[in-house]
PDB file of all heavy atoms in Angstrom:
ATOM      1  N   GLY A   1       7.130   0.800  14.801  1.00  0.00           N
ATOM      2  CA  GLY A   1       6.738  -0.284  13.916  1.00  0.00           C
ATOM      3  C   GLY A   1       7.143  -0.054  12.460  1.00  0.00           C
ATOM      4  O   GLY A   1       6.725  -0.822  11.593  1.00  0.00           O
ATOM      5  N   TYR A   2       7.936   0.972  12.205  1.00  0.00           N
ATOM      6  CA  TYR A   2       8.336   1.238  10.812  1.00  0.00           C
ATOM      7  C   TYR A   2       9.362   0.237  10.276  1.00  0.00           C
ATOM      8  O   TYR A   2       9.440   0.008   9.080  1.00  0.00           O
ATOM      9  CB  TYR A   2       8.925   2.654  10.697  1.00  0.00           C
ATOM     10  CG  TYR A   2       7.875   3.749  10.599  1.00  0.00           C
ATOM     11  CD1 TYR A   2       6.712   3.717  11.367  1.00  0.00           C
ATOM     12  CD2 TYR A   2       8.069   4.835   9.757  1.00  0.00           C
ATOM     13  CE1 TYR A   2       5.771   4.711  11.292  1.00  0.00           C
ATOM     14  CE2 TYR A   2       7.122   5.860   9.682  1.00  0.00           C
ATOM     15  CZ  TYR A   2       5.971   5.785  10.449  1.00  0.00           C
ATOM     16  OH  TYR A   2       5.026   6.779  10.357  1.00  0.00           O
ATOM     17  N   ALA A   3      10.141  -0.338  11.161  1.00  0.00           N
ATOM     18  CA  ALA A   3      11.206  -1.247  10.721  1.00  0.00           C
ATOM     19  C   ALA A   3      10.648  -2.635  10.434  1.00  0.00           C
ATOM     20  O   ALA A   3       9.641  -3.076  11.031  1.00  0.00           O
ATOM     21  CB  ALA A   3      12.294  -1.334  11.775  1.00  0.00           C
ATOM     22  N   MET A   4      11.309  -3.354   9.539  1.00  0.00           N
ATOM     23  CA  MET A   4      10.930  -4.714   9.215  1.00  0.00           C
ATOM     24  C   MET A   4      11.023  -5.603  10.461  1.00  0.00           C
ATOM     25  O   MET A   4      11.987  -5.519  11.221  1.00  0.00           O
ATOM     26  CB  MET A   4      11.876  -5.249   8.130  1.00  0.00           C
ATOM     27  CG  MET A   4      11.715  -6.721   7.801  1.00  0.00           C
ATOM     28  SD  MET A   4      10.134  -7.029   6.973  1.00  0.00           S
ATOM     29  CE  MET A   4      10.263  -8.774   6.630  1.00  0.00           C
ATOM     30  N   ASN A   5      10.020  -6.435  10.675  1.00  0.00           N
ATOM     31  CA  ASN A   5      10.025  -7.378  11.802  1.00  0.00           C
ATOM     32  C   ASN A   5      10.193  -8.779  11.240  1.00  0.00           C
ATOM     33  O   ASN A   5       9.315  -9.269  10.518  1.00  0.00           O
ATOM     34  CB  ASN A   5       8.730  -7.259  12.607  1.00  0.00           C
ATOM     35  CG  ASN A   5       8.686  -8.136  13.810  1.00  0.00           C
ATOM     36  OD1 ASN A   5       8.489  -9.345  13.701  1.00  0.00           O
ATOM     37  ND2 ASN A   5       8.868  -7.554  14.990  1.00  0.00           N
ATOM     38  N   GLU A   6      11.291  -9.421  11.564  1.00  0.00           N
ATOM     39  CA  GLU A   6      11.589 -10.719  10.971  1.00  0.00           C
ATOM     40  C   GLU A   6      10.603 -11.790  11.388  1.00  0.00           C
ATOM     41  O   GLU A   6      10.232 -12.663  10.599  1.00  0.00           O
ATOM     42  CB  GLU A   6      13.029 -11.146  11.364  1.00  0.00           C
ATOM     43  CG  GLU A   6      14.108 -10.246  10.813  1.00  0.00           C
ATOM     44  CD  GLU A   6      14.144 -10.216   9.297  1.00  0.00           C
ATOM     45  OE1 GLU A   6      13.720 -11.228   8.672  1.00  0.00           O
ATOM     46  OE2 GLU A   6      14.525  -9.189   8.728  1.00  0.00           O
ATOM     47  N   GLU A   7      10.127 -11.720  12.612  1.00  0.00           N
ATOM     48  CA  GLU A   7       9.174 -12.740  13.090  1.00  0.00           C
ATOM     49  C   GLU A   7       7.837 -12.629  12.367  1.00  0.00           C
ATOM     50  O   GLU A   7       7.226 -13.624  11.986  1.00  0.00           O
ATOM     51  CB  GLU A   7       9.000 -12.631  14.591  1.00  0.00           C
ATOM     52  CG  GLU A   7       8.127 -13.746  15.187  1.00  0.00           C
ATOM     53  CD  GLU A   7       8.105 -13.725  16.690  1.00  0.00           C
ATOM     54  OE1 GLU A   7       9.001 -13.113  17.305  1.00  0.00           O
ATOM     55  OE2 GLU A   7       7.186 -14.325  17.265  1.00  0.00           O
ATOM     56  N   LEU A   8       7.389 -11.394  12.170  1.00  0.00           N
ATOM     57  CA  LEU A   8       6.128 -11.179  11.461  1.00  0.00           C
ATOM     58  C   LEU A   8       6.281 -11.385   9.953  1.00  0.00           C
ATOM     59  O   LEU A   8       5.342 -11.807   9.276  1.00  0.00           O
ATOM     60  CB  LEU A   8       5.600  -9.767  11.704  1.00  0.00           C
ATOM     61  CG  LEU A   8       5.074  -9.432  13.097  1.00  0.00           C
ATOM     62  CD1 LEU A   8       4.713  -7.951  13.165  1.00  0.00           C
ATOM     63  CD2 LEU A   8       3.857 -10.279  13.444  1.00  0.00           C
ATOM     64  N   GLY A   9       7.451 -11.041   9.447  1.00  0.00           N
ATOM     65  CA  GLY A   9       7.680 -11.086   8.013  1.00  0.00           C
ATOM     66  C   GLY A   9       7.272  -9.818   7.303  1.00  0.00           C
ATOM     67  O   GLY A   9       7.259  -9.753   6.069  1.00  0.00           O
ATOM     68  N   PHE A  10       6.934  -8.783   8.058  1.00  0.00           N
ATOM     69  CA  PHE A  10       6.577  -7.469   7.507  1.00  0.00           C
ATOM     70  C   PHE A  10       6.793  -6.416   8.579  1.00  0.00           C
ATOM     71  O   PHE A  10       6.906  -6.749   9.779  1.00  0.00           O
ATOM     72  CB  PHE A  10       5.147  -7.441   6.977  1.00  0.00           C
ATOM     73  CG  PHE A  10       4.099  -7.774   8.022  1.00  0.00           C
ATOM     74  CD1 PHE A  10       3.536  -6.777   8.815  1.00  0.00           C
ATOM     75  CD2 PHE A  10       3.647  -9.092   8.191  1.00  0.00           C
ATOM     76  CE1 PHE A  10       2.566  -7.065   9.756  1.00  0.00           C
ATOM     77  CE2 PHE A  10       2.670  -9.385   9.129  1.00  0.00           C
ATOM     78  CZ  PHE A  10       2.138  -8.375   9.916  1.00  0.00           C
ATOM     79  N   ALA A  11       6.835  -5.179   8.175  1.00  0.00           N
ATOM     80  CA  ALA A  11       6.897  -4.082   9.142  1.00  0.00           C
ATOM     81  C   ALA A  11       5.537  -3.906   9.801  1.00  0.00           C
ATOM     82  O   ALA A  11       4.515  -3.831   9.099  1.00  0.00           O
ATOM     83  CB  ALA A  11       7.326  -2.781   8.459  1.00  0.00           C
ATOM     84  N   PRO A  12       5.444  -3.846  11.124  1.00  0.00           N
ATOM     85  CA  PRO A  12       4.146  -3.648  11.768  1.00  0.00           C
ATOM     86  C   PRO A  12       3.381  -2.433  11.230  1.00  0.00           C
ATOM     87  O   PRO A  12       2.141  -2.408  11.306  1.00  0.00           O
ATOM     88  CB  PRO A  12       4.520  -3.442  13.246  1.00  0.00           C
ATOM     89  CG  PRO A  12       5.787  -4.225  13.410  1.00  0.00           C
ATOM     90  CD  PRO A  12       6.515  -4.038  12.109  1.00  0.00           C
ATOM     91  N   PHE A  13       4.073  -1.481  10.683  1.00  0.00           N
ATOM     92  CA  PHE A  13       3.460  -0.317  10.030  1.00  0.00           C
ATOM     93  C   PHE A  13       2.301  -0.715   9.126  1.00  0.00           C
ATOM     94  O   PHE A  13       1.259  -0.061   9.079  1.00  0.00           O
ATOM     95  CB  PHE A  13       4.547   0.416   9.228  1.00  0.00           C
ATOM     96  CG  PHE A  13       4.048   1.511   8.348  1.00  0.00           C
ATOM     97  CD1 PHE A  13       3.940   2.814   8.828  1.00  0.00           C
ATOM     98  CD2 PHE A  13       3.692   1.273   7.015  1.00  0.00           C
ATOM     99  CE1 PHE A  13       3.488   3.829   7.998  1.00  0.00           C
ATOM    100  CE2 PHE A  13       3.243   2.297   6.189  1.00  0.00           C
ATOM    101  CZ  PHE A  13       3.118   3.574   6.696  1.00  0.00           C
ATOM    102  N   GLU A  14       2.479  -1.814   8.390  1.00  0.00           N
ATOM    103  CA  GLU A  14       1.485  -2.241   7.405  1.00  0.00           C
ATOM    104  C   GLU A  14       0.148  -2.621   8.052  1.00  0.00           C
ATOM    105  O   GLU A  14      -0.899  -2.538   7.408  1.00  0.00           O
ATOM    106  CB  GLU A  14       2.009  -3.449   6.616  1.00  0.00           C
ATOM    107  CG  GLU A  14       3.238  -3.165   5.793  1.00  0.00           C
ATOM    108  CD  GLU A  14       3.734  -4.406   5.070  1.00  0.00           C
ATOM    109  OE1 GLU A  14       2.933  -5.359   4.895  1.00  0.00           O
ATOM    110  OE2 GLU A  14       4.907  -4.439   4.681  1.00  0.00           O
ATOM    111  N   HIS A  15       0.184  -3.012   9.316  1.00  0.00           N
ATOM    112  CA  HIS A  15      -1.023  -3.415  10.010  1.00  0.00           C
ATOM    113  C   HIS A  15      -1.954  -2.216  10.282  1.00  0.00           C
ATOM    114  O   HIS A  15      -3.171  -2.408  10.404  1.00  0.00           O
ATOM    115  CB  HIS A  15      -0.642  -4.076  11.343  1.00  0.00           C
ATOM    116  CG  HIS A  15      -1.789  -4.411  12.231  1.00  0.00           C
ATOM    117  ND1 HIS A  15      -2.666  -5.447  11.994  1.00  0.00           N
ATOM    118  CD2 HIS A  15      -2.226  -3.811  13.380  1.00  0.00           C
ATOM    119  CE1 HIS A  15      -3.570  -5.500  12.962  1.00  0.00           C
ATOM    120  NE2 HIS A  15      -3.328  -4.530  13.813  1.00  0.00           N
ATOM    121  N   TYR A  16      -1.371  -1.037  10.380  1.00  0.00           N
ATOM    122  CA  TYR A  16      -2.128   0.154  10.723  1.00  0.00           C
ATOM    123  C   TYR A  16      -2.421   1.056   9.527  1.00  0.00           C
ATOM    124  O   TYR A  16      -3.469   1.692   9.474  1.00  0.00           O
ATOM    125  CB  TYR A  16      -1.353   1.001  11.748  1.00  0.00           C
ATOM    126  CG  TYR A  16      -0.944   0.263  12.997  1.00  0.00           C
ATOM    127  CD1 TYR A  16       0.272  -0.418  13.056  1.00  0.00           C
ATOM    128  CD2 TYR A  16      -1.762   0.231  14.127  1.00  0.00           C
ATOM    129  CE1 TYR A  16       0.668  -1.093  14.198  1.00  0.00           C
ATOM    130  CE2 TYR A  16      -1.380  -0.446  15.285  1.00  0.00           C
ATOM    131  CZ  TYR A  16      -0.152  -1.114  15.297  1.00  0.00           C
ATOM    132  OH  TYR A  16       0.223  -1.776  16.443  1.00  0.00           O
ATOM    133  N   ALA A  17      -1.490   1.132   8.587  1.00  0.00           N
ATOM    134  CA  ALA A  17      -1.478   2.169   7.566  1.00  0.00           C
ATOM    135  C   ALA A  17      -2.199   1.749   6.290  1.00  0.00           C
ATOM    136  O   ALA A  17      -2.511   0.568   6.077  1.00  0.00           O
ATOM    137  CB  ALA A  17      -0.053   2.593   7.261  1.00  0.00           C
ATOM    138  N   ASP A  18      -2.436   2.736   5.449  1.00  0.00           N
ATOM    139  CA  ASP A  18      -2.963   2.514   4.119  1.00  0.00           C
ATOM    140  C   ASP A  18      -1.999   3.137   3.114  1.00  0.00           C
ATOM    141  O   ASP A  18      -1.473   4.218   3.345  1.00  0.00           O
ATOM    142  CB  ASP A  18      -4.349   3.175   3.993  1.00  0.00           C
ATOM    143  CG  ASP A  18      -4.990   2.923   2.634  1.00  0.00           C
ATOM    144  OD1 ASP A  18      -5.603   1.850   2.466  1.00  0.00           O
ATOM    145  OD2 ASP A  18      -4.850   3.784   1.736  1.00  0.00           O
ATOM    146  N   PRO A  19      -1.756   2.470   1.983  1.00  0.00           N
ATOM    147  CA  PRO A  19      -0.793   3.002   1.016  1.00  0.00           C
ATOM    148  C   PRO A  19      -1.221   4.318   0.374  1.00  0.00           C
ATOM    149  O   PRO A  19      -0.370   5.075  -0.109  1.00  0.00           O
ATOM    150  CB  PRO A  19      -0.704   1.886  -0.046  1.00  0.00           C
ATOM    151  CG  PRO A  19      -1.169   0.664   0.632  1.00  0.00           C
ATOM    152  CD  PRO A  19      -2.213   1.135   1.595  1.00  0.00           C
ATOM    153  N   VAL A  20      -2.516   4.601   0.327  1.00  0.00           N
ATOM    154  CA  VAL A  20      -3.021   5.768  -0.353  1.00  0.00           C
ATOM    155  C   VAL A  20      -3.404   6.891   0.602  1.00  0.00           C
ATOM    156  O   VAL A  20      -3.050   8.048   0.408  1.00  0.00           O
ATOM    157  CB  VAL A  20      -4.234   5.399  -1.237  1.00  0.00           C
ATOM    158  CG1 VAL A  20      -4.856   6.627  -1.871  1.00  0.00           C
ATOM    159  CG2 VAL A  20      -3.801   4.399  -2.307  1.00  0.00           C
ATOM    160  N   TRP A  21      -4.120   6.549   1.653  1.00  0.00           N
ATOM    161  CA  TRP A  21      -4.662   7.533   2.565  1.00  0.00           C
ATOM    162  C   TRP A  21      -3.782   7.711   3.812  1.00  0.00           C
ATOM    163  O   TRP A  21      -3.237   6.745   4.333  1.00  0.00           O
ATOM    164  CB  TRP A  21      -6.058   7.113   3.030  1.00  0.00           C
ATOM    165  CG  TRP A  21      -7.143   7.321   2.018  1.00  0.00           C
ATOM    166  CD1 TRP A  21      -7.426   6.536   0.932  1.00  0.00           C
ATOM    167  CD2 TRP A  21      -8.116   8.344   2.028  1.00  0.00           C
ATOM    168  NE1 TRP A  21      -8.501   7.016   0.249  1.00  0.00           N
ATOM    169  CE2 TRP A  21      -8.965   8.148   0.907  1.00  0.00           C
ATOM    170  CE3 TRP A  21      -8.368   9.439   2.857  1.00  0.00           C
ATOM    171  CZ2 TRP A  21     -10.031   8.978   0.598  1.00  0.00           C
ATOM    172  CZ3 TRP A  21      -9.438  10.263   2.571  1.00  0.00           C
ATOM    173  CH2 TRP A  21     -10.260  10.036   1.453  1.00  0.00           C
ATOM    174  N   ASP A  22      -3.713   8.944   4.297  1.00  0.00           N
ATOM    175  CA  ASP A  22      -3.030   9.248   5.549  1.00  0.00           C
ATOM    176  C   ASP A  22      -3.930   8.850   6.718  1.00  0.00           C
ATOM    177  O   ASP A  22      -5.144   9.134   6.735  1.00  0.00           O
ATOM    178  CB  ASP A  22      -2.747  10.748   5.617  1.00  0.00           C
ATOM    179  CG  ASP A  22      -2.240  11.195   6.961  1.00  0.00           C
ATOM    180  OD1 ASP A  22      -1.119  10.804   7.331  1.00  0.00           O
ATOM    181  OD2 ASP A  22      -2.961  11.928   7.659  1.00  0.00           O
ATOM    182  N   ASN A  23      -3.351   8.164   7.718  1.00  0.00           N
ATOM    183  CA  ASN A  23      -4.134   7.694   8.853  1.00  0.00           C
ATOM    184  C   ASN A  23      -4.832   8.822   9.604  1.00  0.00           C
ATOM    185  O   ASN A  23      -6.009   8.694   9.977  1.00  0.00           O
ATOM    186  CB  ASN A  23      -3.274   6.914   9.845  1.00  0.00           C
ATOM    187  CG  ASN A  23      -3.167   5.455   9.509  1.00  0.00           C
ATOM    188  OD1 ASN A  23      -2.347   5.054   8.684  1.00  0.00           O
ATOM    189  ND2 ASN A  23      -3.995   4.638  10.137  1.00  0.00           N
ATOM    190  N   VAL A  24      -4.122   9.894   9.859  1.00  0.00           N
ATOM    191  CA  VAL A  24      -4.737  10.994  10.612  1.00  0.00           C
ATOM    192  C   VAL A  24      -5.920  11.548   9.845  1.00  0.00           C
ATOM    193  O   VAL A  24      -6.968  11.828  10.429  1.00  0.00           O
ATOM    194  CB  VAL A  24      -3.695  12.090  10.911  1.00  0.00           C
ATOM    195  CG1 VAL A  24      -4.373  13.288  11.584  1.00  0.00           C
ATOM    196  CG2 VAL A  24      -2.579  11.561  11.808  1.00  0.00           C
ATOM    197  N   ARG A  25      -5.758  11.681   8.552  1.00  0.00           N
ATOM    198  CA  ARG A  25      -6.859  12.164   7.719  1.00  0.00           C
ATOM    199  C   ARG A  25      -8.066  11.234   7.826  1.00  0.00           C
ATOM    200  O   ARG A  25      -9.203  11.679   8.006  1.00  0.00           O
ATOM    201  CB  ARG A  25      -6.382  12.269   6.255  1.00  0.00           C
ATOM    202  CG  ARG A  25      -7.469  12.684   5.274  1.00  0.00           C
ATOM    203  CD  ARG A  25      -7.910  14.096   5.475  1.00  0.00           C
ATOM    204  NE  ARG A  25      -8.894  14.499   4.458  1.00  0.00           N
ATOM    205  CZ  ARG A  25      -9.883  15.339   4.684  1.00  0.00           C
ATOM    206  NH1 ARG A  25     -10.025  15.904   5.872  1.00  0.00           N
ATOM    207  NH2 ARG A  25     -10.710  15.664   3.731  1.00  0.00           N
ATOM    208  N   MET A  26      -7.817   9.932   7.688  1.00  0.00           N
ATOM    209  CA  MET A  26      -8.916   8.971   7.787  1.00  0.00           C
ATOM    210  C   MET A  26      -9.544   9.006   9.176  1.00  0.00           C
ATOM    211  O   MET A  26     -10.777   8.968   9.316  1.00  0.00           O
ATOM    212  CB  MET A  26      -8.421   7.557   7.463  1.00  0.00           C
ATOM    213  CG  MET A  26      -8.093   7.350   6.005  1.00  0.00           C
ATOM    214  SD  MET A  26      -7.910   5.605   5.568  1.00  0.00           S
ATOM    215  CE  MET A  26      -6.439   5.168   6.486  1.00  0.00           C
ATOM    216  N   ASN A  27      -8.723   9.081  10.220  1.00  0.00           N
ATOM    217  CA  ASN A  27      -9.256   9.135  11.582  1.00  0.00           C
ATOM    218  C   ASN A  27     -10.123  10.361  11.778  1.00  0.00           C
ATOM    219  O   ASN A  27     -11.201  10.292  12.402  1.00  0.00           O
ATOM    220  CB  ASN A  27      -8.116   9.137  12.612  1.00  0.00           C
ATOM    221  CG  ASN A  27      -7.396   7.813  12.736  1.00  0.00           C
ATOM    222  OD1 ASN A  27      -6.278   7.747  13.252  1.00  0.00           O
ATOM    223  ND2 ASN A  27      -8.001   6.724  12.284  1.00  0.00           N
ATOM    224  N   ASN A  28      -9.675  11.504  11.282  1.00  0.00           N
ATOM    225  CA  ASN A  28     -10.470  12.731  11.425  1.00  0.00           C
ATOM    226  C   ASN A  28     -11.828  12.609  10.755  1.00  0.00           C
ATOM    227  O   ASN A  28     -12.856  13.052  11.292  1.00  0.00           O
ATOM    228  CB  ASN A  28      -9.721  13.921  10.854  1.00  0.00           C
ATOM    229  CG  ASN A  28      -8.530  14.383  11.667  1.00  0.00           C
ATOM    230  OD1 ASN A  28      -7.749  15.209  11.209  1.00  0.00           O
ATOM    231  ND2 ASN A  28      -8.349  13.858  12.862  1.00  0.00           N
TER     232      ASN A  28
END
């Protein structure tokens, strides 16, 4: 999901991630 998705208009990455915090860190 790192690549831009034209149908969505954004990279699916954005749906899961946070610009500041690491996901694994938050999950832990």
